[in-house]
């Protein structure tokens, strides 16, 4: 089991934060292009899911999987989007993404007057605490990548 990477997007599609842990294959494009492709895919999937659902969905789009990885998605009421890619054995990372938002992002970025006005998350404290949190997850394993 492993965590591959994490994206944090703002409501306008700007990538505020990106980190990778156990990602073996690179996209072969620039990071900015990768961020735009990821956000565009999320936008399309969310739109498709909301239009095709036979019921009114409170949660909306939560995750999808391919033959190689699972993408986990969490959107905050303010429009922040947290996207984590893991291997297939991680069935649900919603609580993990909620924890990253409420206990790390809100506490270390939103409540910090120095960080909250910046267009990207350039906080060493946030990065180091997030890294420690991810590495402590029960499904994080550097050997499984």
C-alpha atoms as a PDB file:
ATOM      1  CA  UNK A   1       0.000   0.000   0.000  1.00  0.00           C
ATOM      2  CA  UNK A   2       1.227   3.482  -0.721  1.00  0.00           C
ATOM      3  CA  UNK A   3       0.485   7.148  -1.340  1.00  0.00           C
ATOM      4  CA  UNK A   4       1.709   8.473  -4.687  1.00  0.00           C
ATOM      5  CA  UNK A   5       0.977  12.204  -4.590  1.00  0.00           C
ATOM      6  CA  UNK A   6      -1.263  15.017  -3.352  1.00  0.00           C
ATOM      7  CA  UNK A   7      -2.635  18.101  -5.093  1.00  0.00           C
ATOM      8  CA  UNK A   8      -4.426  21.050  -3.483  1.00  0.00           C
ATOM      9  CA  UNK A   9      -6.350  23.315  -5.873  1.00  0.00           C
ATOM     10  CA  UNK A  10      -8.161  26.563  -5.148  1.00  0.00           C
ATOM     11  CA  UNK A  11     -11.671  27.257  -6.434  1.00  0.00           C
ATOM     12  CA  UNK A  12     -10.269  28.751  -9.675  1.00  0.00           C
ATOM     13  CA  UNK A  13      -8.170  25.713 -10.573  1.00  0.00           C
ATOM     14  CA  UNK A  14      -4.809  27.053  -9.440  1.00  0.00           C
ATOM     15  CA  UNK A  15      -2.593  24.416  -7.896  1.00  0.00           C
ATOM     16  CA  UNK A  16      -1.692  25.749  -4.461  1.00  0.00           C
ATOM     17  CA  UNK A  17       0.335  22.742  -3.385  1.00  0.00           C
ATOM     18  CA  UNK A  18       1.774  19.562  -4.842  1.00  0.00           C
ATOM     19  CA  UNK A  19       3.938  16.853  -3.319  1.00  0.00           C
ATOM     20  CA  UNK A  20       4.783  13.316  -4.294  1.00  0.00           C
ATOM     21  CA  UNK A  21       5.994  10.442  -2.179  1.00  0.00           C
ATOM     22  CA  UNK A  22       6.040   7.193  -4.120  1.00  0.00           C
ATOM     23  CA  UNK A  23       5.515   8.194  -7.717  1.00  0.00           C
ATOM     24  CA  UNK A  24       7.607   6.156 -10.111  1.00  0.00           C
ATOM     25  CA  UNK A  25       6.314   7.355 -13.477  1.00  0.00           C
ATOM     26  CA  UNK A  26       6.342  11.029 -14.438  1.00  0.00           C
ATOM     27  CA  UNK A  27       3.786  12.515 -16.829  1.00  0.00           C
ATOM     28  CA  UNK A  28       6.334  13.669 -19.414  1.00  0.00           C
ATOM     29  CA  UNK A  29       4.891  17.204 -19.402  1.00  0.00           C
ATOM     30  CA  UNK A  30       5.571  20.298 -17.334  1.00  0.00           C
ATOM     31  CA  UNK A  31       4.109  20.480 -13.836  1.00  0.00           C
ATOM     32  CA  UNK A  32       1.888  23.406 -14.856  1.00  0.00           C
ATOM     33  CA  UNK A  33       0.433  21.367 -17.720  1.00  0.00           C
ATOM     34  CA  UNK A  34      -0.071  18.403 -15.394  1.00  0.00           C
ATOM     35  CA  UNK A  35      -1.925  20.620 -12.898  1.00  0.00           C
ATOM     36  CA  UNK A  36      -4.201  21.968 -15.644  1.00  0.00           C
ATOM     37  CA  UNK A  37      -4.921  18.466 -16.954  1.00  0.00           C
ATOM     38  CA  UNK A  38      -5.713  17.185 -13.457  1.00  0.00           C
ATOM     39  CA  UNK A  39      -8.018  20.095 -12.672  1.00  0.00           C
ATOM     40  CA  UNK A  40      -9.745  19.813 -16.055  1.00  0.00           C
ATOM     41  CA  UNK A  41     -10.298  16.100 -15.529  1.00  0.00           C
ATOM     42  CA  UNK A  42     -11.742  16.729 -12.047  1.00  0.00           C
ATOM     43  CA  UNK A  43     -14.019  19.443 -13.394  1.00  0.00           C
ATOM     44  CA  UNK A  44     -15.300  17.130 -16.149  1.00  0.00           C
ATOM     45  CA  UNK A  45     -15.784  14.125 -13.871  1.00  0.00           C
ATOM     46  CA  UNK A  46     -17.646  16.183 -11.259  1.00  0.00           C
ATOM     47  CA  UNK A  47     -19.910  17.607 -13.955  1.00  0.00           C
ATOM     48  CA  UNK A  48     -20.558  14.183 -15.459  1.00  0.00           C
ATOM     49  CA  UNK A  49     -21.285  12.571 -12.091  1.00  0.00           C
ATOM     50  CA  UNK A  50     -23.712  15.309 -11.043  1.00  0.00           C
ATOM     51  CA  UNK A  51     -25.610  15.130 -14.348  1.00  0.00           C
ATOM     52  CA  UNK A  52     -25.802  11.338 -14.535  1.00  0.00           C
ATOM     53  CA  UNK A  53     -26.739  10.595 -10.932  1.00  0.00           C
ATOM     54  CA  UNK A  54     -30.270   9.232 -10.569  1.00  0.00           C
ATOM     55  CA  UNK A  55     -30.482  10.722  -7.072  1.00  0.00           C
ATOM     56  CA  UNK A  56     -29.608  14.083  -5.559  1.00  0.00           C
ATOM     57  CA  UNK A  57     -26.064  13.545  -4.354  1.00  0.00           C
ATOM     58  CA  UNK A  58     -24.897  15.206  -1.168  1.00  0.00           C
ATOM     59  CA  UNK A  59     -21.330  13.929  -1.382  1.00  0.00           C
ATOM     60  CA  UNK A  60     -20.859  14.070  -5.149  1.00  0.00           C
ATOM     61  CA  UNK A  61     -17.702  12.647  -6.652  1.00  0.00           C
ATOM     62  CA  UNK A  62     -15.453  10.934  -4.073  1.00  0.00           C
ATOM     63  CA  UNK A  63     -12.993   8.737  -5.989  1.00  0.00           C
ATOM     64  CA  UNK A  64     -12.287   6.710  -9.076  1.00  0.00           C
ATOM     65  CA  UNK A  65      -9.829   4.000  -9.919  1.00  0.00           C
ATOM     66  CA  UNK A  66      -7.874   2.751 -12.877  1.00  0.00           C
ATOM     67  CA  UNK A  67      -6.042  -0.536 -13.181  1.00  0.00           C
ATOM     68  CA  UNK A  68      -2.992   1.034 -11.460  1.00  0.00           C
ATOM     69  CA  UNK A  69      -4.113   3.655  -8.954  1.00  0.00           C
ATOM     70  CA  UNK A  70      -7.072   5.197  -7.122  1.00  0.00           C
ATOM     71  CA  UNK A  71      -7.749   8.932  -7.064  1.00  0.00           C
ATOM     72  CA  UNK A  72      -9.402  10.237  -3.868  1.00  0.00           C
ATOM     73  CA  UNK A  73     -11.183  13.595  -3.935  1.00  0.00           C
ATOM     74  CA  UNK A  74     -12.382  15.969  -1.226  1.00  0.00           C
ATOM     75  CA  UNK A  75     -13.856  19.416  -1.806  1.00  0.00           C
ATOM     76  CA  UNK A  76     -14.339  21.924   0.989  1.00  0.00           C
ATOM     77  CA  UNK A  77     -17.311  24.310   1.256  1.00  0.00           C
ATOM     78  CA  UNK A  78     -14.971  27.145   0.237  1.00  0.00           C
ATOM     79  CA  UNK A  79     -14.044  25.378  -3.004  1.00  0.00           C
ATOM     80  CA  UNK A  80     -10.618  23.981  -2.129  1.00  0.00           C
ATOM     81  CA  UNK A  81     -10.005  20.625  -3.776  1.00  0.00           C
ATOM     82  CA  UNK A  82      -7.761  17.972  -2.227  1.00  0.00           C
ATOM     83  CA  UNK A  83      -6.701  15.154  -4.551  1.00  0.00           C
ATOM     84  CA  UNK A  84      -4.663  12.165  -3.412  1.00  0.00           C
ATOM     85  CA  UNK A  85      -3.493   9.321  -5.624  1.00  0.00           C
ATOM     86  CA  UNK A  86      -2.843   5.988  -3.915  1.00  0.00           C
ATOM     87  CA  UNK A  87      -2.486   2.396  -4.950  1.00  0.00           C
ATOM     88  CA  UNK A  88      -5.612   0.262  -5.354  1.00  0.00           C
ATOM     89  CA  UNK A  89      -5.509  -1.254  -1.881  1.00  0.00           C
ATOM     90  CA  UNK A  90      -6.525   2.080  -0.279  1.00  0.00           C
ATOM     91  CA  UNK A  91     -10.301   1.976  -0.505  1.00  0.00           C
ATOM     92  CA  UNK A  92     -11.216   5.291   1.126  1.00  0.00           C
ATOM     93  CA  UNK A  93      -8.996   8.255   1.981  1.00  0.00           C
ATOM     94  CA  UNK A  94     -11.785  10.779   2.596  1.00  0.00           C
ATOM     95  CA  UNK A  95     -11.064  11.050   6.326  1.00  0.00           C
ATOM     96  CA  UNK A  96      -7.381  11.515   5.544  1.00  0.00           C
ATOM     97  CA  UNK A  97      -8.142  14.395   3.167  1.00  0.00           C
ATOM     98  CA  UNK A  98     -10.560  15.951   5.668  1.00  0.00           C
ATOM     99  CA  UNK A  99      -7.852  15.736   8.342  1.00  0.00           C
ATOM    100  CA  UNK A 100      -5.316  17.401   6.037  1.00  0.00           C
ATOM    101  CA  UNK A 101      -7.798  20.205   5.435  1.00  0.00           C
ATOM    102  CA  UNK A 102      -9.047  20.807   8.971  1.00  0.00           C
ATOM    103  CA  UNK A 103      -5.994  19.978  11.084  1.00  0.00           C
ATOM    104  CA  UNK A 104      -3.159  21.048   8.795  1.00  0.00           C
ATOM    105  CA  UNK A 105      -4.408  23.494   6.167  1.00  0.00           C
ATOM    106  CA  UNK A 106      -6.787  25.463   8.382  1.00  0.00           C
ATOM    107  CA  UNK A 107      -4.518  25.444  11.429  1.00  0.00           C
ATOM    108  CA  UNK A 108      -1.209  26.171   9.648  1.00  0.00           C
ATOM    109  CA  UNK A 109      -2.282  28.217   6.619  1.00  0.00           C
ATOM    110  CA  UNK A 110      -5.677  29.857   7.159  1.00  0.00           C
ATOM    111  CA  UNK A 111      -4.994  30.878  10.753  1.00  0.00           C
ATOM    112  CA  UNK A 112      -1.488  32.071   9.902  1.00  0.00           C
ATOM    113  CA  UNK A 113      -1.623  35.714   8.732  1.00  0.00           C
ATOM    114  CA  UNK A 114       1.692  35.366   6.892  1.00  0.00           C
ATOM    115  CA  UNK A 115       0.538  32.378   4.788  1.00  0.00           C
ATOM    116  CA  UNK A 116      -3.154  33.055   4.209  1.00  0.00           C
ATOM    117  CA  UNK A 117      -2.631  35.820   1.636  1.00  0.00           C
ATOM    118  CA  UNK A 118      -0.072  33.983  -0.500  1.00  0.00           C
ATOM    119  CA  UNK A 119      -1.204  32.495  -3.839  1.00  0.00           C
ATOM    120  CA  UNK A 120       0.584  29.213  -3.108  1.00  0.00           C
ATOM    121  CA  UNK A 121       1.414  27.247   0.010  1.00  0.00           C
ATOM    122  CA  UNK A 122       5.063  28.041   0.632  1.00  0.00           C
ATOM    123  CA  UNK A 123       5.003  27.115   4.292  1.00  0.00           C
ATOM    124  CA  UNK A 124       7.812  24.866   5.518  1.00  0.00           C
ATOM    125  CA  UNK A 125       5.817  24.039   8.631  1.00  0.00           C
ATOM    126  CA  UNK A 126       2.818  22.937   6.554  1.00  0.00           C
ATOM    127  CA  UNK A 127       5.014  20.872   4.211  1.00  0.00           C
ATOM    128  CA  UNK A 128       6.902  19.148   7.001  1.00  0.00           C
ATOM    129  CA  UNK A 129       3.781  18.405   9.072  1.00  0.00           C
ATOM    130  CA  UNK A 130       1.960  17.111   5.992  1.00  0.00           C
ATOM    131  CA  UNK A 131       4.915  14.914   5.079  1.00  0.00           C
ATOM    132  CA  UNK A 132       5.069  13.484   8.607  1.00  0.00           C
ATOM    133  CA  UNK A 133       1.299  12.882   8.587  1.00  0.00           C
ATOM    134  CA  UNK A 134       1.382  11.077   5.220  1.00  0.00           C
ATOM    135  CA  UNK A 135       4.353   8.926   6.234  1.00  0.00           C
ATOM    136  CA  UNK A 136       2.531   7.928   9.446  1.00  0.00           C
ATOM    137  CA  UNK A 137      -0.594   6.721   7.622  1.00  0.00           C
ATOM    138  CA  UNK A 138      -1.266   2.987   7.975  1.00  0.00           C
ATOM    139  CA  UNK A 139      -1.388   2.653   4.184  1.00  0.00           C
ATOM    140  CA  UNK A 140       1.850   4.519   3.498  1.00  0.00           C
ATOM    141  CA  UNK A 141       4.712   2.239   2.564  1.00  0.00           C
ATOM    142  CA  UNK A 142       7.712   3.418   0.547  1.00  0.00           C
ATOM    143  CA  UNK A 143       8.518  -0.148  -0.514  1.00  0.00           C
ATOM    144  CA  UNK A 144       5.123  -0.783  -2.101  1.00  0.00           C
ATOM    145  CA  UNK A 145       5.613   1.790  -4.851  1.00  0.00           C
END
